Amino acid sequence: MSDRSALQLYVYALPEEDRAAVQLGIDDNCLKPYEDSSSGIVLGMRYQTEEVPVGSAHDLAVHLLVSAPGTAFELWQDPVFEHPGHYVAHLPGIGTYEGRCDSHGSPLVKLTEVLDTVTTAPDSPSALPEDEFTRHGPFFAALRRAQAARRP
């Protein structure tokens, strides 16, 4: 028996040419809208399922990135036992972020990753150089603007 956990998806922007591919991803993963009364894809609506095989977040992300590249989305699969969850967000024209997350879809960053970004060089103009941690600032700022449209 394989490990299973919950999967969540938010779609924030959807060009018409991506609609069929996004709907296929929703259907293939048995995702249901948070509000049962909605029909079709509703922007900012949470689509969820309680149990899918571990790795489904990765598979859905690949499907959306390849088949619906103009779609802005955020998805995550909950942690299983001691293993963190899997988080992916994509904003066309800005980029994609992928990493570990908790059961609320909050990306996890290890303290060692943060500490590795600190520099003590006296001639350094900044305490945090452009690196894996700080370069995602504009991405997450844009994602927060998209998330503001979320429905309950």
C-alpha atoms as a PDB file:
ATOM      1  CA  MET A   1       0.000   0.000   0.000  1.00  0.00           C
ATOM      2  CA  SER A   2       1.412   3.388  -0.951  1.00  0.00           C
ATOM      3  CA  ASP A   3       1.393   6.454   1.288  1.00  0.00           C
ATOM      4  CA  ARG A   4      -1.365   8.924   0.576  1.00  0.00           C
ATOM      5  CA  SER A   5      -2.179  12.465   1.672  1.00  0.00           C
ATOM      6  CA  ALA A   6      -4.348  15.474   0.857  1.00  0.00           C
ATOM      7  CA  LEU A   7      -3.763  17.624  -2.236  1.00  0.00           C
ATOM      8  CA  GLN A   8      -4.859  21.242  -2.699  1.00  0.00           C
ATOM      9  CA  LEU A   9      -4.877  23.483  -5.779  1.00  0.00           C
ATOM     10  CA  TYR A  10      -5.649  27.171  -6.303  1.00  0.00           C
ATOM     11  CA  VAL A  11      -5.917  28.593  -9.832  1.00  0.00           C
ATOM     12  CA  TYR A  12      -5.372  32.376  -9.899  1.00  0.00           C
ATOM     13  CA  ALA A  13      -5.313  33.166 -13.628  1.00  0.00           C
ATOM     14  CA  LEU A  14      -6.438  31.012 -16.517  1.00  0.00           C
ATOM     15  CA  PRO A  15      -6.168  31.838 -20.208  1.00  0.00           C
ATOM     16  CA  GLU A  16      -8.947  30.246 -22.221  1.00  0.00           C
ATOM     17  CA  GLU A  17      -6.483  28.070 -24.167  1.00  0.00           C
ATOM     18  CA  ASP A  18      -5.351  26.433 -20.882  1.00  0.00           C
ATOM     19  CA  ARG A  19      -8.847  25.718 -19.527  1.00  0.00           C
ATOM     20  CA  ALA A  20      -9.193  22.144 -20.869  1.00  0.00           C
ATOM     21  CA  ALA A  21      -5.734  21.113 -19.611  1.00  0.00           C
ATOM     22  CA  VAL A  22      -6.391  22.545 -16.142  1.00  0.00           C
ATOM     23  CA  GLN A  23      -9.783  20.825 -15.985  1.00  0.00           C
ATOM     24  CA  LEU A  24      -8.112  17.539 -16.972  1.00  0.00           C
ATOM     25  CA  GLY A  25      -5.597  17.958 -14.123  1.00  0.00           C
ATOM     26  CA  ILE A  26      -8.435  18.629 -11.673  1.00  0.00           C
ATOM     27  CA  ASP A  27     -10.436  15.636 -12.899  1.00  0.00           C
ATOM     28  CA  ASP A  28      -7.462  13.224 -13.036  1.00  0.00           C
ATOM     29  CA  ASN A  29      -6.653  13.990  -9.395  1.00  0.00           C
ATOM     30  CA  CYS A  30     -10.299  13.828  -8.231  1.00  0.00           C
ATOM     31  CA  LEU A  31     -10.068  17.398  -6.926  1.00  0.00           C
ATOM     32  CA  LYS A  32     -13.366  18.870  -5.781  1.00  0.00           C
ATOM     33  CA  PRO A  33     -14.164  22.560  -5.273  1.00  0.00           C
ATOM     34  CA  TYR A  34     -14.295  23.749  -1.676  1.00  0.00           C
ATOM     35  CA  GLU A  35     -17.792  25.091  -2.396  1.00  0.00           C
ATOM     36  CA  ASP A  36     -19.865  22.304  -3.915  1.00  0.00           C
ATOM     37  CA  SER A  37     -22.230  24.735  -5.606  1.00  0.00           C
ATOM     38  CA  SER A  38     -19.621  25.979  -8.077  1.00  0.00           C
ATOM     39  CA  SER A  39     -19.397  24.644 -11.613  1.00  0.00           C
ATOM     40  CA  GLY A  40     -16.431  24.943 -13.919  1.00  0.00           C
ATOM     41  CA  ILE A  41     -13.132  26.408 -12.816  1.00  0.00           C
ATOM     42  CA  VAL A  42     -13.527  29.302 -10.401  1.00  0.00           C
ATOM     43  CA  LEU A  43     -10.471  31.527  -9.962  1.00  0.00           C
ATOM     44  CA  GLY A  44      -9.270  31.705  -6.364  1.00  0.00           C
ATOM     45  CA  MET A  45     -11.317  28.640  -5.374  1.00  0.00           C
ATOM     46  CA  ARG A  46      -9.605  25.859  -3.438  1.00  0.00           C
ATOM     47  CA  TYR A  47      -9.823  22.473  -5.126  1.00  0.00           C
ATOM     48  CA  GLN A  48      -8.989  19.576  -2.842  1.00  0.00           C
ATOM     49  CA  THR A  49      -8.994  15.866  -2.250  1.00  0.00           C
ATOM     50  CA  GLU A  50      -8.240  14.016   0.942  1.00  0.00           C
ATOM     51  CA  GLU A  51      -6.217  11.102  -0.382  1.00  0.00           C
ATOM     52  CA  VAL A  52      -3.968  10.818  -3.394  1.00  0.00           C
ATOM     53  CA  PRO A  53      -0.701   8.901  -3.722  1.00  0.00           C
ATOM     54  CA  VAL A  54       2.434  10.697  -2.571  1.00  0.00           C
ATOM     55  CA  GLY A  55       3.978  12.327  -5.628  1.00  0.00           C
ATOM     56  CA  SER A  56       0.657  13.513  -7.039  1.00  0.00           C
ATOM     57  CA  ALA A  57       1.603  17.165  -6.427  1.00  0.00           C
ATOM     58  CA  HIS A  58       4.687  16.728  -8.581  1.00  0.00           C
ATOM     59  CA  ASP A  59       2.732  14.985 -11.326  1.00  0.00           C
ATOM     60  CA  LEU A  60      -0.009  17.641 -11.348  1.00  0.00           C
ATOM     61  CA  ALA A  61       2.576  20.443 -11.371  1.00  0.00           C
ATOM     62  CA  VAL A  62       4.377  18.903 -14.361  1.00  0.00           C
ATOM     63  CA  HIS A  63       1.056  18.511 -16.186  1.00  0.00           C
ATOM     64  CA  LEU A  64       0.086  22.144 -15.570  1.00  0.00           C
ATOM     65  CA  LEU A  65       3.524  23.545 -16.413  1.00  0.00           C
ATOM     66  CA  VAL A  66       3.658  21.621 -19.698  1.00  0.00           C
ATOM     67  CA  SER A  67       0.003  21.679 -20.779  1.00  0.00           C
ATOM     68  CA  ALA A  68      -1.189  24.968 -19.255  1.00  0.00           C
ATOM     69  CA  PRO A  69       1.897  27.232 -19.119  1.00  0.00           C
ATOM     70  CA  GLY A  70      -0.144  30.452 -19.025  1.00  0.00           C
ATOM     71  CA  THR A  71      -1.989  29.438 -15.843  1.00  0.00           C
ATOM     72  CA  ALA A  72      -1.082  30.963 -12.480  1.00  0.00           C
ATOM     73  CA  PHE A  73      -1.499  28.338  -9.761  1.00  0.00           C
ATOM     74  CA  GLU A  74      -0.449  27.203  -6.327  1.00  0.00           C
ATOM     75  CA  LEU A  75      -0.657  23.591  -5.171  1.00  0.00           C
ATOM     76  CA  TRP A  76       0.621  21.424  -2.386  1.00  0.00           C
ATOM     77  CA  GLN A  77       0.431  17.916  -1.025  1.00  0.00           C
ATOM     78  CA  ASP A  78       0.346  17.473   2.740  1.00  0.00           C
ATOM     79  CA  PRO A  79       3.225  15.908   4.685  1.00  0.00           C
ATOM     80  CA  VAL A  80       3.206  12.161   5.303  1.00  0.00           C
ATOM     81  CA  PHE A  81       4.567  10.856   8.599  1.00  0.00           C
ATOM     82  CA  GLU A  82       7.976  12.499   9.121  1.00  0.00           C
ATOM     83  CA  HIS A  83       8.308  13.653   5.496  1.00  0.00           C
ATOM     84  CA  PRO A  84       7.459  17.256   4.568  1.00  0.00           C
ATOM     85  CA  GLY A  85       4.816  18.127   2.023  1.00  0.00           C
ATOM     86  CA  HIS A  86       5.461  19.201  -1.572  1.00  0.00           C
ATOM     87  CA  TYR A  87       4.676  22.768  -2.681  1.00  0.00           C
ATOM     88  CA  VAL A  88       4.650  24.254  -6.196  1.00  0.00           C
ATOM     89  CA  ALA A  89       3.553  27.717  -7.325  1.00  0.00           C
ATOM     90  CA  HIS A  90       3.738  29.130 -10.855  1.00  0.00           C
ATOM     91  CA  LEU A  91       3.222  32.694 -12.029  1.00  0.00           C
ATOM     92  CA  PRO A  92       3.559  33.108 -15.825  1.00  0.00           C
ATOM     93  CA  GLY A  93       6.221  35.643 -16.733  1.00  0.00           C
ATOM     94  CA  ILE A  94       7.669  35.539 -13.211  1.00  0.00           C
ATOM     95  CA  GLY A  95       8.605  31.918 -12.613  1.00  0.00           C
ATOM     96  CA  THR A  96       8.002  28.786 -10.596  1.00  0.00           C
ATOM     97  CA  TYR A  97       8.869  27.965  -7.002  1.00  0.00           C
ATOM     98  CA  GLU A  98       9.033  24.399  -5.735  1.00  0.00           C
ATOM     99  CA  GLY A  99       9.947  23.187  -2.281  1.00  0.00           C
ATOM    100  CA  ARG A 100       8.916  21.498   0.920  1.00  0.00           C
ATOM    101  CA  CYS A 101       5.864  22.675   2.879  1.00  0.00           C
ATOM    102  CA  ASP A 102       3.707  22.066   5.921  1.00  0.00           C
ATOM    103  CA  SER A 103       0.085  20.895   5.898  1.00  0.00           C
ATOM    104  CA  HIS A 104      -1.124  24.489   5.385  1.00  0.00           C
ATOM    105  CA  GLY A 105       0.880  24.910   2.177  1.00  0.00           C
ATOM    106  CA  SER A 106       3.465  27.189   3.811  1.00  0.00           C
ATOM    107  CA  PRO A 107       6.890  26.648   2.249  1.00  0.00           C
ATOM    108  CA  LEU A 108       9.532  25.418   4.693  1.00  0.00           C
ATOM    109  CA  VAL A 109      13.018  26.858   4.759  1.00  0.00           C
ATOM    110  CA  LYS A 110      15.694  25.248   6.928  1.00  0.00           C
ATOM    111  CA  LEU A 111      17.555  27.487   9.343  1.00  0.00           C
ATOM    112  CA  THR A 112      20.835  26.292   7.820  1.00  0.00           C
ATOM    113  CA  GLU A 113      19.686  27.605   4.416  1.00  0.00           C
ATOM    114  CA  VAL A 114      19.046  31.020   5.965  1.00  0.00           C
ATOM    115  CA  LEU A 115      22.322  31.016   7.888  1.00  0.00           C
ATOM    116  CA  ASP A 116      24.233  30.074   4.743  1.00  0.00           C
ATOM    117  CA  THR A 117      23.032  33.322   3.140  1.00  0.00           C
ATOM    118  CA  VAL A 118      24.531  35.571   5.811  1.00  0.00           C
ATOM    119  CA  THR A 119      27.882  37.053   4.937  1.00  0.00           C
ATOM    120  CA  THR A 120      30.291  38.685   7.356  1.00  0.00           C
ATOM    121  CA  ALA A 121      32.612  40.125   4.751  1.00  0.00           C
ATOM    122  CA  PRO A 122      33.378  43.731   5.781  1.00  0.00           C
ATOM    123  CA  ASP A 123      33.239  44.953   2.183  1.00  0.00           C
ATOM    124  CA  SER A 124      29.867  43.346   1.508  1.00  0.00           C
ATOM    125  CA  PRO A 125      27.208  45.944   0.605  1.00  0.00           C
ATOM    126  CA  SER A 126      24.443  43.728   1.945  1.00  0.00           C
ATOM    127  CA  ALA A 127      24.039  41.272   4.785  1.00  0.00           C
ATOM    128  CA  LEU A 128      22.016  39.011   2.481  1.00  0.00           C
ATOM    129  CA  PRO A 129      23.534  38.523  -0.978  1.00  0.00           C
ATOM    130  CA  GLU A 130      21.487  37.579  -4.040  1.00  0.00           C
ATOM    131  CA  ASP A 131      21.058  33.854  -3.518  1.00  0.00           C
ATOM    132  CA  GLU A 132      18.548  30.994  -3.350  1.00  0.00           C
ATOM    133  CA  PHE A 133      16.766  32.551  -0.352  1.00  0.00           C
ATOM    134  CA  THR A 134      16.514  36.242  -1.204  1.00  0.00           C
ATOM    135  CA  ARG A 135      15.984  36.043  -4.967  1.00  0.00           C
ATOM    136  CA  HIS A 136      12.496  34.626  -4.459  1.00  0.00           C
ATOM    137  CA  GLY A 137      11.302  37.830  -2.760  1.00  0.00           C
ATOM    138  CA  PRO A 138       9.680  39.307  -5.901  1.00  0.00           C
ATOM    139  CA  PHE A 139       8.058  35.949  -6.687  1.00  0.00           C
ATOM    140  CA  PHE A 140       6.461  35.665  -3.253  1.00  0.00           C
ATOM    141  CA  ALA A 141       5.358  39.319  -3.337  1.00  0.00           C
ATOM    142  CA  ALA A 142       3.538  38.621  -6.639  1.00  0.00           C
ATOM    143  CA  LEU A 143       2.103  35.390  -5.221  1.00  0.00           C
ATOM    144  CA  ARG A 144       0.728  37.262  -2.180  1.00  0.00           C
ATOM    145  CA  ARG A 145      -1.081  39.625  -4.558  1.00  0.00           C
ATOM    146  CA  ALA A 146      -2.606  36.622  -6.371  1.00  0.00           C
ATOM    147  CA  GLN A 147      -3.531  34.979  -3.065  1.00  0.00           C
ATOM    148  CA  ALA A 148      -5.471  38.083  -2.042  1.00  0.00           C
ATOM    149  CA  ALA A 149      -8.145  36.907  -4.481  1.00  0.00           C
ATOM    150  CA  ARG A 150      -8.539  33.570  -2.692  1.00  0.00           C
ATOM    151  CA  ARG A 151     -11.976  32.412  -1.736  1.00  0.00           C
ATOM    152  CA  PRO A 152     -12.556  30.683   1.652  1.00  0.00           C
END
